Amino acid sequence: MQFFDLLKVYVALDPARKIAVSVLPVIFAITAHEAAHGYVARYFGDPTAASAGRITLNPLKHIDPVGTVLVPLLTMLAGGVLFGWAKPVPVNFNRLRDPKKDMLWVAAAGPGANLVMTIFWVILSKFAPFMGEFSLPLMLMSMIGIIINVALMVLNLLPLPPLDGGRIAVSLLPQPYAWQFAKLERFGFLILLVLLFTGILGKILWPIVDFVTQAISLIF
């Protein structure tokens, strides 16, 4: 079954079945993203996340009841951009060995984890048709896994603090411009919400998500 045929099947599902095939991909996409930030921060000298017990794939350590459960559920059922967040992994950038340089790798770790998860779901989708009565649920779950991980990766690479792309930009910009750009962080979440509810975020996000999804599917 082709990707868009699966999407039609998913759209036709009742809400309970949509939730059943979406819960694991969504939770583990967000969990892997956050754990990766903590792991790379520890590698570059900041043990804050490790001390807080956040370098783990245990979803219970990362779930935010509103951002990880309620908001994704509502946006999914509304048919809009799947949107959500986990409890941010604590990172003290001042404890990194080279804060400005190492910030790039800590920030990139989250989207990198989503890329790895995307590849995992693509591989699973290749085996799913041979799983008998579990074939269709696994194929639908794989499709959601691919979409949510690519969407999280693309969303977080947008150059807007406090998104990972914003922190990557701060790391790459010359010092005077970097700290001026970093001041946007206090308004970043509000800007993101405005973009989401005006539909602008979807117009930016989904063409890129579609392109990346197609490219990864072709490669694998």
N, C-alpha and C. Protein backbone atom coordinates (compact mmCIF):
# COMPACT_ATOMS: atom_id res chain seq x y z
N MET A 1 0.85 -1.20 0.00
CA MET A 1 0.00 0.00 0.00
C MET A 1 0.88 1.25 0.00
N GLN A 2 0.58 2.18 -0.89
CA GLN A 2 1.37 3.39 -1.02
C GLN A 2 1.11 4.36 0.13
N PHE A 3 2.06 5.30 0.30
CA PHE A 3 2.01 6.24 1.43
C PHE A 3 0.69 7.01 1.47
N PHE A 4 0.27 7.54 0.32
CA PHE A 4 -0.94 8.37 0.31
C PHE A 4 -2.20 7.52 0.46
N ASP A 5 -2.15 6.25 0.04
CA ASP A 5 -3.27 5.34 0.30
C ASP A 5 -3.40 5.09 1.81
N LEU A 6 -2.26 4.93 2.47
CA LEU A 6 -2.27 4.76 3.93
C LEU A 6 -2.82 5.99 4.62
N LEU A 7 -2.45 7.16 4.10
CA LEU A 7 -2.93 8.40 4.69
C LEU A 7 -4.45 8.50 4.59
N LYS A 8 -5.01 8.06 3.47
CA LYS A 8 -6.47 8.06 3.31
C LYS A 8 -7.12 7.10 4.31
N VAL A 9 -6.49 5.94 4.51
CA VAL A 9 -7.02 4.97 5.48
C VAL A 9 -6.99 5.58 6.88
N TYR A 10 -5.88 6.25 7.20
CA TYR A 10 -5.74 6.86 8.53
C TYR A 10 -6.79 7.94 8.74
N VAL A 11 -7.00 8.78 7.76
CA VAL A 11 -7.97 9.88 7.88
C VAL A 11 -9.37 9.33 8.11
N ALA A 12 -9.67 8.16 7.53
CA ALA A 12 -11.00 7.57 7.65
C ALA A 12 -11.21 6.85 8.98
N LEU A 13 -10.17 6.66 9.77
CA LEU A 13 -10.31 5.96 11.05
C LEU A 13 -11.12 6.78 12.04
N ASP A 14 -11.77 6.08 12.97
CA ASP A 14 -12.45 6.79 14.05
C ASP A 14 -11.39 7.31 15.02
N PRO A 15 -11.74 8.30 15.85
CA PRO A 15 -10.75 8.93 16.74
C PRO A 15 -9.99 7.95 17.63
N ALA A 16 -10.66 6.94 18.16
CA ALA A 16 -10.00 5.99 19.07
C ALA A 16 -8.89 5.24 18.35
N ARG A 17 -9.14 4.83 17.12
CA ARG A 17 -8.12 4.09 16.36
C ARG A 17 -6.99 5.01 15.91
N LYS A 18 -7.33 6.24 15.60
CA LYS A 18 -6.27 7.21 15.27
C LYS A 18 -5.31 7.35 16.45
N ILE A 19 -5.89 7.50 17.63
CA ILE A 19 -5.06 7.64 18.83
C ILE A 19 -4.22 6.39 19.06
N ALA A 20 -4.82 5.21 18.86
CA ALA A 20 -4.13 3.94 19.11
C ALA A 20 -2.87 3.79 18.26
N VAL A 21 -2.94 4.21 16.99
CA VAL A 21 -1.76 4.05 16.12
C VAL A 21 -0.81 5.24 16.21
N SER A 22 -1.23 6.31 16.88
CA SER A 22 -0.40 7.52 16.93
C SER A 22 0.37 7.70 18.23
N VAL A 23 -0.13 7.12 19.32
CA VAL A 23 0.43 7.39 20.64
C VAL A 23 1.92 7.06 20.71
N LEU A 24 2.30 5.84 20.37
CA LEU A 24 3.71 5.44 20.50
C LEU A 24 4.63 6.26 19.61
N PRO A 25 4.32 6.43 18.31
CA PRO A 25 5.21 7.25 17.47
C PRO A 25 5.39 8.67 18.00
N VAL A 26 4.30 9.30 18.46
CA VAL A 26 4.39 10.69 18.93
C VAL A 26 5.21 10.77 20.22
N ILE A 27 4.91 9.90 21.19
CA ILE A 27 5.60 9.95 22.48
C ILE A 27 7.10 9.67 22.32
N PHE A 28 7.45 8.65 21.53
CA PHE A 28 8.86 8.31 21.41
C PHE A 28 9.62 9.29 20.51
N ALA A 29 8.93 9.94 19.59
CA ALA A 29 9.59 10.99 18.79
C ALA A 29 10.03 12.13 19.70
N ILE A 30 9.13 12.56 20.58
CA ILE A 30 9.43 13.66 21.49
C ILE A 30 10.45 13.24 22.54
N THR A 31 10.31 12.00 23.04
CA THR A 31 11.22 11.48 24.07
C THR A 31 12.65 11.38 23.55
N ALA A 32 12.82 10.78 22.37
CA ALA A 32 14.16 10.63 21.79
C ALA A 32 14.79 11.99 21.52
N HIS A 33 13.97 12.93 21.08
CA HIS A 33 14.45 14.29 20.80
C HIS A 33 15.05 14.92 22.05
N GLU A 34 14.31 14.85 23.16
CA GLU A 34 14.77 15.49 24.39
C GLU A 34 15.96 14.76 25.01
N ALA A 35 15.90 13.43 25.01
CA ALA A 35 17.01 12.65 25.59
C ALA A 35 18.31 12.92 24.84
N ALA A 36 18.22 13.09 23.53
CA ALA A 36 19.42 13.35 22.72
C ALA A 36 20.09 14.66 23.11
N HIS A 37 19.28 15.69 23.39
CA HIS A 37 19.85 16.96 23.85
C HIS A 37 20.68 16.74 25.13
N GLY A 38 20.10 16.01 26.08
CA GLY A 38 20.80 15.77 27.35
C GLY A 38 22.05 14.96 27.19
N TYR A 39 22.00 13.95 26.33
CA TYR A 39 23.17 13.08 26.12
C TYR A 39 24.32 13.88 25.52
N VAL A 40 24.05 14.68 24.51
CA VAL A 40 25.11 15.44 23.85
C VAL A 40 25.62 16.54 24.77
N ALA A 41 24.74 17.14 25.55
CA ALA A 41 25.18 18.15 26.52
C ALA A 41 26.16 17.53 27.52
N ARG A 42 25.86 16.33 27.99
CA ARG A 42 26.79 15.65 28.91
C ARG A 42 28.13 15.38 28.22
N TYR A 43 28.07 14.96 26.97
CA TYR A 43 29.29 14.67 26.22
C TYR A 43 30.19 15.90 26.13
N PHE A 44 29.57 17.08 26.01
CA PHE A 44 30.35 18.31 25.88
C PHE A 44 30.56 19.03 27.22
N GLY A 45 30.26 18.34 28.31
CA GLY A 45 30.67 18.86 29.62
C GLY A 45 29.60 19.31 30.57
N ASP A 46 28.33 19.31 30.16
CA ASP A 46 27.26 19.76 31.06
C ASP A 46 26.48 18.56 31.59
N PRO A 47 26.60 18.23 32.87
CA PRO A 47 25.90 17.07 33.43
C PRO A 47 24.51 17.37 33.98
N THR A 48 23.98 18.57 33.69
CA THR A 48 22.72 18.99 34.30
C THR A 48 21.59 18.00 34.00
N ALA A 49 21.41 17.62 32.74
CA ALA A 49 20.34 16.71 32.37
C ALA A 49 20.55 15.32 32.98
N ALA A 50 21.81 14.88 33.00
CA ALA A 50 22.11 13.58 33.59
C ALA A 50 21.78 13.57 35.08
N SER A 51 22.11 14.65 35.77
CA SER A 51 21.83 14.74 37.21
C SER A 51 20.34 14.76 37.49
N ALA A 52 19.56 15.24 36.53
CA ALA A 52 18.11 15.30 36.69
C ALA A 52 17.42 14.02 36.22
N GLY A 53 18.21 13.03 35.77
CA GLY A 53 17.65 11.77 35.30
C GLY A 53 16.92 11.87 33.97
N ARG A 54 17.32 12.83 33.13
CA ARG A 54 16.61 13.08 31.88
C ARG A 54 17.27 12.45 30.67
N ILE A 55 18.42 11.80 30.83
CA ILE A 55 19.02 11.11 29.69
C ILE A 55 18.48 9.68 29.69
N THR A 56 17.26 9.54 29.25
CA THR A 56 16.57 8.26 29.27
C THR A 56 15.49 8.25 28.20
N LEU A 57 15.17 7.04 27.71
CA LEU A 57 14.07 6.90 26.76
C LEU A 57 12.76 6.55 27.47
N ASN A 58 12.76 6.65 28.80
CA ASN A 58 11.53 6.45 29.55
C ASN A 58 10.63 7.66 29.33
N PRO A 59 9.51 7.49 28.62
CA PRO A 59 8.65 8.65 28.30
C PRO A 59 8.15 9.39 29.53
N LEU A 60 7.98 8.68 30.65
CA LEU A 60 7.44 9.32 31.85
C LEU A 60 8.33 10.44 32.36
N LYS A 61 9.62 10.37 32.03
CA LYS A 61 10.56 11.41 32.46
C LYS A 61 10.44 12.68 31.63
N HIS A 62 9.82 12.57 30.46
CA HIS A 62 9.80 13.70 29.52
C HIS A 62 8.40 14.24 29.24
N ILE A 63 7.37 13.47 29.58
CA ILE A 63 6.01 13.86 29.20
C ILE A 63 5.54 15.10 29.95
N ASP A 64 5.02 16.04 29.18
CA ASP A 64 4.30 17.20 29.72
C ASP A 64 2.82 16.94 29.44
N PRO A 65 1.96 16.87 30.45
CA PRO A 65 0.56 16.50 30.23
C PRO A 65 -0.13 17.34 29.16
N VAL A 66 0.20 18.61 29.12
CA VAL A 66 -0.44 19.49 28.14
C VAL A 66 0.26 19.37 26.78
N GLY A 67 1.59 19.58 26.76
CA GLY A 67 2.31 19.65 25.50
C GLY A 67 2.50 18.32 24.80
N THR A 68 2.62 17.23 25.57
CA THR A 68 2.89 15.92 24.97
C THR A 68 1.62 15.12 24.72
N VAL A 69 0.55 15.43 25.45
CA VAL A 69 -0.68 14.64 25.34
C VAL A 69 -1.83 15.46 24.77
N LEU A 70 -2.23 16.52 25.48
CA LEU A 70 -3.44 17.24 25.12
C LEU A 70 -3.32 18.00 23.80
N VAL A 71 -2.25 18.78 23.65
CA VAL A 71 -2.11 19.60 22.43
C VAL A 71 -1.95 18.76 21.17
N PRO A 72 -1.05 17.74 21.15
CA PRO A 72 -0.98 16.89 19.95
C PRO A 72 -2.30 16.20 19.64
N LEU A 73 -3.00 15.76 20.69
CA LEU A 73 -4.28 15.09 20.48
C LEU A 73 -5.29 16.01 19.83
N LEU A 74 -5.40 17.23 20.34
CA LEU A 74 -6.36 18.19 19.80
C LEU A 74 -6.00 18.61 18.37
N THR A 75 -4.72 18.86 18.12
CA THR A 75 -4.33 19.29 16.77
C THR A 75 -4.48 18.16 15.77
N MET A 76 -4.22 16.90 16.23
CA MET A 76 -4.37 15.75 15.34
C MET A 76 -5.84 15.56 14.97
N LEU A 77 -6.73 15.60 15.97
CA LEU A 77 -8.15 15.39 15.71
C LEU A 77 -8.76 16.54 14.91
N ALA A 78 -8.16 17.73 15.05
CA ALA A 78 -8.65 18.89 14.29
C ALA A 78 -8.15 18.88 12.85
N GLY A 79 -7.20 17.98 12.56
CA GLY A 79 -6.67 17.88 11.21
C GLY A 79 -5.67 18.96 10.85
N GLY A 80 -5.13 19.63 11.86
CA GLY A 80 -4.16 20.68 11.59
C GLY A 80 -2.73 20.18 11.68
N VAL A 81 -1.79 21.11 11.88
CA VAL A 81 -0.38 20.76 12.03
C VAL A 81 -0.22 20.05 13.38
N LEU A 82 0.32 18.84 13.34
CA LEU A 82 0.56 18.11 14.59
C LEU A 82 1.62 18.87 15.38
N PHE A 83 1.23 19.34 16.55
CA PHE A 83 2.07 20.26 17.31
C PHE A 83 2.11 19.82 18.76
N GLY A 84 3.28 19.90 19.37
CA GLY A 84 3.38 19.54 20.77
C GLY A 84 4.80 19.73 21.28
N TRP A 85 4.99 19.43 22.55
CA TRP A 85 6.31 19.57 23.13
C TRP A 85 6.41 18.68 24.36
N ALA A 86 7.63 18.40 24.78
CA ALA A 86 7.88 17.66 26.01
C ALA A 86 8.45 18.64 27.04
N LYS A 87 8.65 18.15 28.26
CA LYS A 87 9.35 18.99 29.24
C LYS A 87 10.77 19.21 28.73
N PRO A 88 11.20 20.45 28.56
CA PRO A 88 12.54 20.69 28.02
C PRO A 88 13.62 20.07 28.92
N VAL A 89 14.59 19.43 28.30
CA VAL A 89 15.73 18.91 29.05
C VAL A 89 16.57 20.08 29.53
N PRO A 90 16.90 20.13 30.82
CA PRO A 90 17.70 21.26 31.32
C PRO A 90 19.14 21.20 30.81
N VAL A 91 19.56 22.28 30.19
CA VAL A 91 20.94 22.39 29.70
C VAL A 91 21.50 23.72 30.18
N ASN A 92 22.64 23.66 30.84
CA ASN A 92 23.34 24.88 31.27
C ASN A 92 24.48 25.11 30.28
N PHE A 93 24.22 25.98 29.31
CA PHE A 93 25.20 26.18 28.23
C PHE A 93 26.52 26.72 28.76
N ASN A 94 26.49 27.41 29.90
CA ASN A 94 27.73 27.95 30.47
C ASN A 94 28.66 26.85 30.97
N ARG A 95 28.13 25.64 31.18
CA ARG A 95 28.96 24.54 31.66
C ARG A 95 29.56 23.72 30.51
N LEU A 96 29.17 24.03 29.29
CA LEU A 96 29.79 23.37 28.14
C LEU A 96 31.23 23.83 28.02
N ARG A 97 32.07 22.98 27.48
CA ARG A 97 33.51 23.32 27.39
C ARG A 97 33.74 24.55 26.52
N ASP A 98 33.00 24.65 25.43
CA ASP A 98 33.06 25.84 24.56
C ASP A 98 31.60 26.22 24.26
N PRO A 99 30.97 27.02 25.15
CA PRO A 99 29.52 27.23 25.07
C PRO A 99 28.99 27.60 23.69
N LYS A 100 29.60 28.58 23.03
CA LYS A 100 29.04 29.04 21.76
C LYS A 100 29.19 27.97 20.68
N LYS A 101 30.31 27.31 20.63
CA LYS A 101 30.54 26.28 19.62
C LYS A 101 29.74 25.01 19.93
N ASP A 102 29.77 24.57 21.18
CA ASP A 102 29.12 23.31 21.54
C ASP A 102 27.61 23.41 21.53
N MET A 103 27.08 24.64 21.65
CA MET A 103 25.63 24.84 21.59
C MET A 103 25.06 24.28 20.30
N LEU A 104 25.80 24.41 19.21
CA LEU A 104 25.34 23.90 17.92
C LEU A 104 25.05 22.42 17.99
N TRP A 105 25.99 21.64 18.57
CA TRP A 105 25.84 20.19 18.61
C TRP A 105 24.74 19.75 19.56
N VAL A 106 24.61 20.46 20.68
CA VAL A 106 23.54 20.14 21.63
C VAL A 106 22.18 20.40 20.97
N ALA A 107 22.06 21.52 20.27
CA ALA A 107 20.80 21.86 19.61
C ALA A 107 20.49 20.90 18.47
N ALA A 108 21.51 20.55 17.69
CA ALA A 108 21.30 19.68 16.53
C ALA A 108 20.98 18.24 16.92
N ALA A 109 21.28 17.86 18.16
CA ALA A 109 21.07 16.49 18.60
C ALA A 109 19.60 16.08 18.54
N GLY A 110 18.70 17.00 18.89
CA GLY A 110 17.27 16.69 18.88
C GLY A 110 16.76 16.35 17.48
N PRO A 111 16.93 17.25 16.51
CA PRO A 111 16.54 16.92 15.13
C PRO A 111 17.28 15.70 14.60
N GLY A 112 18.54 15.53 15.00
CA GLY A 112 19.29 14.34 14.58
C GLY A 112 18.64 13.06 15.08
N ALA A 113 18.14 13.07 16.33
CA ALA A 113 17.45 11.91 16.88
C ALA A 113 16.17 11.63 16.09
N ASN A 114 15.47 12.70 15.68
CA ASN A 114 14.26 12.50 14.89
C ASN A 114 14.56 11.92 13.51
N LEU A 115 15.72 12.28 12.94
CA LEU A 115 16.13 11.69 11.67
C LEU A 115 16.36 10.19 11.83
N VAL A 116 17.04 9.80 12.92
CA VAL A 116 17.29 8.38 13.19
C VAL A 116 15.97 7.63 13.38
N MET A 117 15.05 8.24 14.13
CA MET A 117 13.74 7.62 14.35
C MET A 117 12.96 7.49 13.04
N THR A 118 13.10 8.48 12.17
CA THR A 118 12.43 8.41 10.86
C THR A 118 12.92 7.20 10.08
N ILE A 119 14.23 7.01 10.07
CA ILE A 119 14.80 5.87 9.35
C ILE A 119 14.31 4.55 9.95
N PHE A 120 14.21 4.51 11.29
CA PHE A 120 13.68 3.30 11.95
C PHE A 120 12.28 2.99 11.46
N TRP A 121 11.40 4.00 11.42
CA TRP A 121 10.02 3.77 10.99
C TRP A 121 9.94 3.42 9.51
N VAL A 122 10.82 3.98 8.69
CA VAL A 122 10.84 3.62 7.27
C VAL A 122 11.20 2.14 7.12
N ILE A 123 12.21 1.70 7.86
CA ILE A 123 12.62 0.29 7.79
C ILE A 123 11.49 -0.62 8.27
N LEU A 124 10.84 -0.23 9.38
CA LEU A 124 9.72 -1.03 9.89
C LEU A 124 8.60 -1.11 8.86
N SER A 125 8.37 -0.02 8.13
CA SER A 125 7.30 -0.01 7.13
C SER A 125 7.57 -1.01 6.01
N LYS A 126 8.85 -1.31 5.77
CA LYS A 126 9.20 -2.28 4.73
C LYS A 126 8.86 -3.71 5.16
N PHE A 127 8.92 -3.97 6.46
CA PHE A 127 8.63 -5.31 6.98
C PHE A 127 7.16 -5.47 7.37
N ALA A 128 6.46 -4.37 7.62
CA ALA A 128 5.08 -4.42 8.11
C ALA A 128 4.14 -5.24 7.22
N PRO A 129 4.25 -5.16 5.87
CA PRO A 129 3.31 -5.94 5.03
C PRO A 129 3.39 -7.45 5.25
N PHE A 130 4.46 -7.93 5.88
CA PHE A 130 4.62 -9.37 6.08
C PHE A 130 4.23 -9.81 7.49
N MET A 131 3.55 -8.93 8.25
CA MET A 131 3.23 -9.21 9.64
C MET A 131 1.80 -9.72 9.84
N GLY A 132 1.20 -10.25 8.79
CA GLY A 132 -0.11 -10.87 8.92
C GLY A 132 -1.19 -9.90 9.36
N GLU A 133 -1.93 -10.27 10.41
CA GLU A 133 -3.05 -9.45 10.86
C GLU A 133 -2.59 -8.12 11.45
N PHE A 134 -1.29 -8.01 11.78
CA PHE A 134 -0.76 -6.76 12.35
C PHE A 134 -0.23 -5.82 11.27
N SER A 135 -0.32 -6.25 10.00
CA SER A 135 0.29 -5.49 8.91
C SER A 135 -0.24 -4.07 8.82
N LEU A 136 -1.57 -3.93 8.74
CA LEU A 136 -2.14 -2.59 8.55
C LEU A 136 -1.87 -1.67 9.74
N PRO A 137 -2.09 -2.13 11.01
CA PRO A 137 -1.76 -1.24 12.13
C PRO A 137 -0.29 -0.81 12.15
N LEU A 138 0.62 -1.76 11.84
CA LEU A 138 2.04 -1.42 11.83
C LEU A 138 2.38 -0.46 10.69
N MET A 139 1.72 -0.65 9.56
CA MET A 139 1.96 0.27 8.43
C MET A 139 1.46 1.67 8.76
N LEU A 140 0.29 1.76 9.41
CA LEU A 140 -0.23 3.07 9.80
C LEU A 140 0.65 3.71 10.87
N MET A 141 1.10 2.89 11.83
CA MET A 141 1.97 3.40 12.89
C MET A 141 3.29 3.90 12.30
N SER A 142 3.83 3.14 11.33
CA SER A 142 5.07 3.56 10.68
C SER A 142 4.88 4.88 9.93
N MET A 143 3.75 5.00 9.26
CA MET A 143 3.46 6.25 8.53
C MET A 143 3.43 7.44 9.48
N ILE A 144 2.74 7.28 10.62
CA ILE A 144 2.68 8.36 11.61
C ILE A 144 4.07 8.63 12.17
N GLY A 145 4.84 7.56 12.43
CA GLY A 145 6.20 7.72 12.93
C GLY A 145 7.06 8.54 11.98
N ILE A 146 6.93 8.26 10.69
CA ILE A 146 7.70 9.00 9.68
C ILE A 146 7.26 10.47 9.67
N ILE A 147 5.95 10.69 9.62
CA ILE A 147 5.44 12.07 9.52
C ILE A 147 5.81 12.89 10.75
N ILE A 148 5.58 12.35 11.95
CA ILE A 148 5.81 13.13 13.17
C ILE A 148 7.30 13.42 13.36
N ASN A 149 8.17 12.46 13.05
CA ASN A 149 9.59 12.70 13.23
C ASN A 149 10.14 13.68 12.21
N VAL A 150 9.69 13.58 10.98
CA VAL A 150 10.12 14.57 9.97
C VAL A 150 9.58 15.95 10.33
N ALA A 151 8.31 16.01 10.78
CA ALA A 151 7.72 17.29 11.15
C ALA A 151 8.46 17.92 12.32
N LEU A 152 8.80 17.12 13.35
CA LEU A 152 9.55 17.64 14.49
C LEU A 152 10.94 18.11 14.07
N MET A 153 11.57 17.34 13.20
CA MET A 153 12.90 17.71 12.74
C MET A 153 12.87 19.04 11.99
N VAL A 154 11.94 19.16 11.04
CA VAL A 154 11.85 20.38 10.24
C VAL A 154 11.43 21.57 11.11
N LEU A 155 10.41 21.36 11.96
CA LEU A 155 9.95 22.43 12.83
C LEU A 155 11.07 22.96 13.71
N ASN A 156 11.81 22.05 14.33
CA ASN A 156 12.85 22.47 15.27
C ASN A 156 14.07 23.07 14.59
N LEU A 157 14.20 22.88 13.28
CA LEU A 157 15.31 23.49 12.56
C LEU A 157 14.97 24.88 12.03
N LEU A 158 13.73 25.32 12.24
CA LEU A 158 13.40 26.71 11.86
C LEU A 158 14.25 27.66 12.70
N PRO A 159 14.82 28.69 12.09
CA PRO A 159 15.75 29.58 12.80
C PRO A 159 15.05 30.58 13.71
N LEU A 160 14.40 30.05 14.73
CA LEU A 160 13.67 30.90 15.68
C LEU A 160 13.95 30.42 17.09
N PRO A 161 14.67 31.20 17.89
CA PRO A 161 14.85 30.80 19.29
C PRO A 161 13.47 30.77 19.98
N PRO A 162 13.17 29.80 20.85
CA PRO A 162 14.08 28.81 21.43
C PRO A 162 14.14 27.49 20.69
N LEU A 163 13.65 27.44 19.44
CA LEU A 163 13.77 26.20 18.68
C LEU A 163 15.24 25.88 18.44
N ASP A 164 15.51 24.63 18.14
CA ASP A 164 16.90 24.21 17.96
C ASP A 164 17.57 24.97 16.82
N GLY A 165 16.81 25.25 15.76
CA GLY A 165 17.37 26.02 14.65
C GLY A 165 17.80 27.40 15.07
N GLY A 166 17.07 28.00 16.02
CA GLY A 166 17.46 29.30 16.55
C GLY A 166 18.76 29.23 17.30
N ARG A 167 18.93 28.17 18.09
CA ARG A 167 20.17 28.03 18.86
C ARG A 167 21.35 27.69 17.94
N ILE A 168 21.08 26.94 16.87
CA ILE A 168 22.13 26.68 15.88
C ILE A 168 22.56 28.00 15.24
N ALA A 169 21.57 28.85 14.93
CA ALA A 169 21.89 30.16 14.34
C ALA A 169 22.71 31.01 15.30
N VAL A 170 22.36 30.99 16.60
CA VAL A 170 23.13 31.74 17.59
C VAL A 170 24.57 31.24 17.63
N SER A 171 24.75 29.93 17.52
CA SER A 171 26.09 29.35 17.54
C SER A 171 26.91 29.77 16.33
N LEU A 172 26.25 29.90 15.18
CA LEU A 172 26.97 30.18 13.94
C LEU A 172 27.20 31.67 13.68
N LEU A 173 26.33 32.51 14.22
CA LEU A 173 26.46 33.95 13.97
C LEU A 173 27.67 34.53 14.72
N PRO A 174 28.29 35.59 14.16
CA PRO A 174 29.35 36.29 14.90
C PRO A 174 28.81 36.80 16.23
N GLN A 175 29.69 36.91 17.22
CA GLN A 175 29.27 37.19 18.59
C GLN A 175 28.30 38.36 18.76
N PRO A 176 28.57 39.54 18.20
CA PRO A 176 27.64 40.67 18.43
C PRO A 176 26.23 40.39 17.92
N TYR A 177 26.15 39.75 16.73
CA TYR A 177 24.85 39.44 16.15
C TYR A 177 24.19 38.28 16.88
N ALA A 178 25.00 37.34 17.36
CA ALA A 178 24.47 36.15 18.03
C ALA A 178 23.65 36.52 19.26
N TRP A 179 24.20 37.38 20.10
CA TRP A 179 23.51 37.71 21.34
C TRP A 179 22.30 38.59 21.09
N GLN A 180 22.34 39.43 20.05
CA GLN A 180 21.16 40.20 19.68
C GLN A 180 20.04 39.28 19.20
N PHE A 181 20.42 38.29 18.37
CA PHE A 181 19.44 37.33 17.86
C PHE A 181 18.86 36.48 18.99
N ALA A 182 19.71 36.15 19.97
CA ALA A 182 19.27 35.31 21.09
C ALA A 182 18.19 35.99 21.91
N LYS A 183 18.13 37.33 21.87
CA LYS A 183 17.12 38.05 22.64
C LYS A 183 15.70 37.76 22.15
N LEU A 184 15.59 37.21 20.93
CA LEU A 184 14.27 36.85 20.40
C LEU A 184 13.63 35.71 21.19
N GLU A 185 14.44 34.99 21.97
CA GLU A 185 13.95 33.79 22.64
C GLU A 185 12.76 34.08 23.54
N ARG A 186 12.74 35.23 24.17
CA ARG A 186 11.63 35.55 25.09
C ARG A 186 10.30 35.67 24.35
N PHE A 187 10.37 35.95 23.04
CA PHE A 187 9.15 36.08 22.24
C PHE A 187 8.91 34.87 21.33
N GLY A 188 9.87 33.93 21.31
CA GLY A 188 9.84 32.85 20.33
C GLY A 188 8.60 31.99 20.39
N PHE A 189 8.19 31.59 21.60
CA PHE A 189 7.03 30.71 21.72
C PHE A 189 5.76 31.43 21.27
N LEU A 190 5.65 32.70 21.62
CA LEU A 190 4.48 33.48 21.21
C LEU A 190 4.43 33.60 19.68
N ILE A 191 5.59 33.87 19.07
CA ILE A 191 5.66 33.96 17.60
C ILE A 191 5.24 32.64 16.98
N LEU A 192 5.69 31.54 17.56
CA LEU A 192 5.37 30.22 17.05
C LEU A 192 3.86 29.95 17.12
N LEU A 193 3.24 30.33 18.22
CA LEU A 193 1.80 30.13 18.38
C LEU A 193 1.02 30.97 17.36
N VAL A 194 1.47 32.20 17.14
CA VAL A 194 0.81 33.06 16.15
C VAL A 194 0.91 32.43 14.76
N LEU A 195 2.10 31.94 14.42
CA LEU A 195 2.30 31.29 13.12
C LEU A 195 1.42 30.05 12.99
N LEU A 196 1.27 29.30 14.10
CA LEU A 196 0.47 28.08 14.09
C LEU A 196 -1.00 28.39 13.84
N PHE A 197 -1.56 29.31 14.63
CA PHE A 197 -3.00 29.54 14.58
C PHE A 197 -3.43 30.42 13.41
N THR A 198 -2.48 31.08 12.76
CA THR A 198 -2.82 31.82 11.54
C THR A 198 -2.67 30.96 10.29
N GLY A 199 -2.13 29.74 10.46
CA GLY A 199 -1.94 28.84 9.33
C GLY A 199 -0.64 29.04 8.58
N ILE A 200 0.12 30.07 8.96
CA ILE A 200 1.39 30.34 8.27
C ILE A 200 2.39 29.22 8.51
N LEU A 201 2.41 28.68 9.74
CA LEU A 201 3.35 27.62 10.07
C LEU A 201 3.13 26.41 9.17
N GLY A 202 1.87 26.03 8.97
CA GLY A 202 1.57 24.89 8.12
C GLY A 202 2.03 25.11 6.68
N LYS A 203 1.85 26.35 6.18
CA LYS A 203 2.25 26.65 4.80
C LYS A 203 3.77 26.59 4.64
N ILE A 204 4.49 26.91 5.71
CA ILE A 204 5.95 26.82 5.67
C ILE A 204 6.40 25.37 5.85
N LEU A 205 5.76 24.70 6.81
CA LEU A 205 6.23 23.40 7.29
C LEU A 205 5.93 22.26 6.33
N TRP A 206 4.65 22.15 5.90
CA TRP A 206 4.24 20.94 5.20
C TRP A 206 4.90 20.71 3.85
N PRO A 207 5.16 21.72 3.02
CA PRO A 207 5.90 21.44 1.77
C PRO A 207 7.29 20.87 2.03
N ILE A 208 7.96 21.38 3.09
CA ILE A 208 9.30 20.86 3.43
C ILE A 208 9.18 19.45 3.98
N VAL A 209 8.19 19.21 4.85
CA VAL A 209 7.97 17.87 5.40
C VAL A 209 7.70 16.87 4.28
N ASP A 210 6.85 17.26 3.34
CA ASP A 210 6.51 16.38 2.21
C ASP A 210 7.76 16.06 1.39
N PHE A 211 8.58 17.09 1.12
CA PHE A 211 9.79 16.87 0.33
C PHE A 211 10.76 15.93 1.04
N VAL A 212 10.99 16.18 2.33
CA VAL A 212 11.94 15.35 3.11
C VAL A 212 11.42 13.91 3.21
N THR A 213 10.11 13.77 3.47
CA THR A 213 9.52 12.44 3.58
C THR A 213 9.69 11.65 2.29
N GLN A 214 9.41 12.29 1.15
CA GLN A 214 9.56 11.63 -0.13
C GLN A 214 11.01 11.26 -0.40
N ALA A 215 11.93 12.16 -0.06
CA ALA A 215 13.35 11.90 -0.29
C ALA A 215 13.83 10.71 0.55
N ILE A 216 13.44 10.66 1.81
CA ILE A 216 13.86 9.55 2.68
C ILE A 216 13.25 8.24 2.21
N SER A 217 12.00 8.28 1.79
CA SER A 217 11.33 7.06 1.29
C SER A 217 12.01 6.53 0.05
N LEU A 218 12.45 7.44 -0.81
CA LEU A 218 13.14 7.01 -2.04
C LEU A 218 14.50 6.39 -1.74
N ILE A 219 15.21 6.99 -0.78
CA ILE A 219 16.55 6.49 -0.42
C ILE A 219 16.46 5.09 0.19
N PHE A 220 15.45 4.87 1.04
CA PHE A 220 15.34 3.61 1.76
C PHE A 220 14.29 2.68 1.13
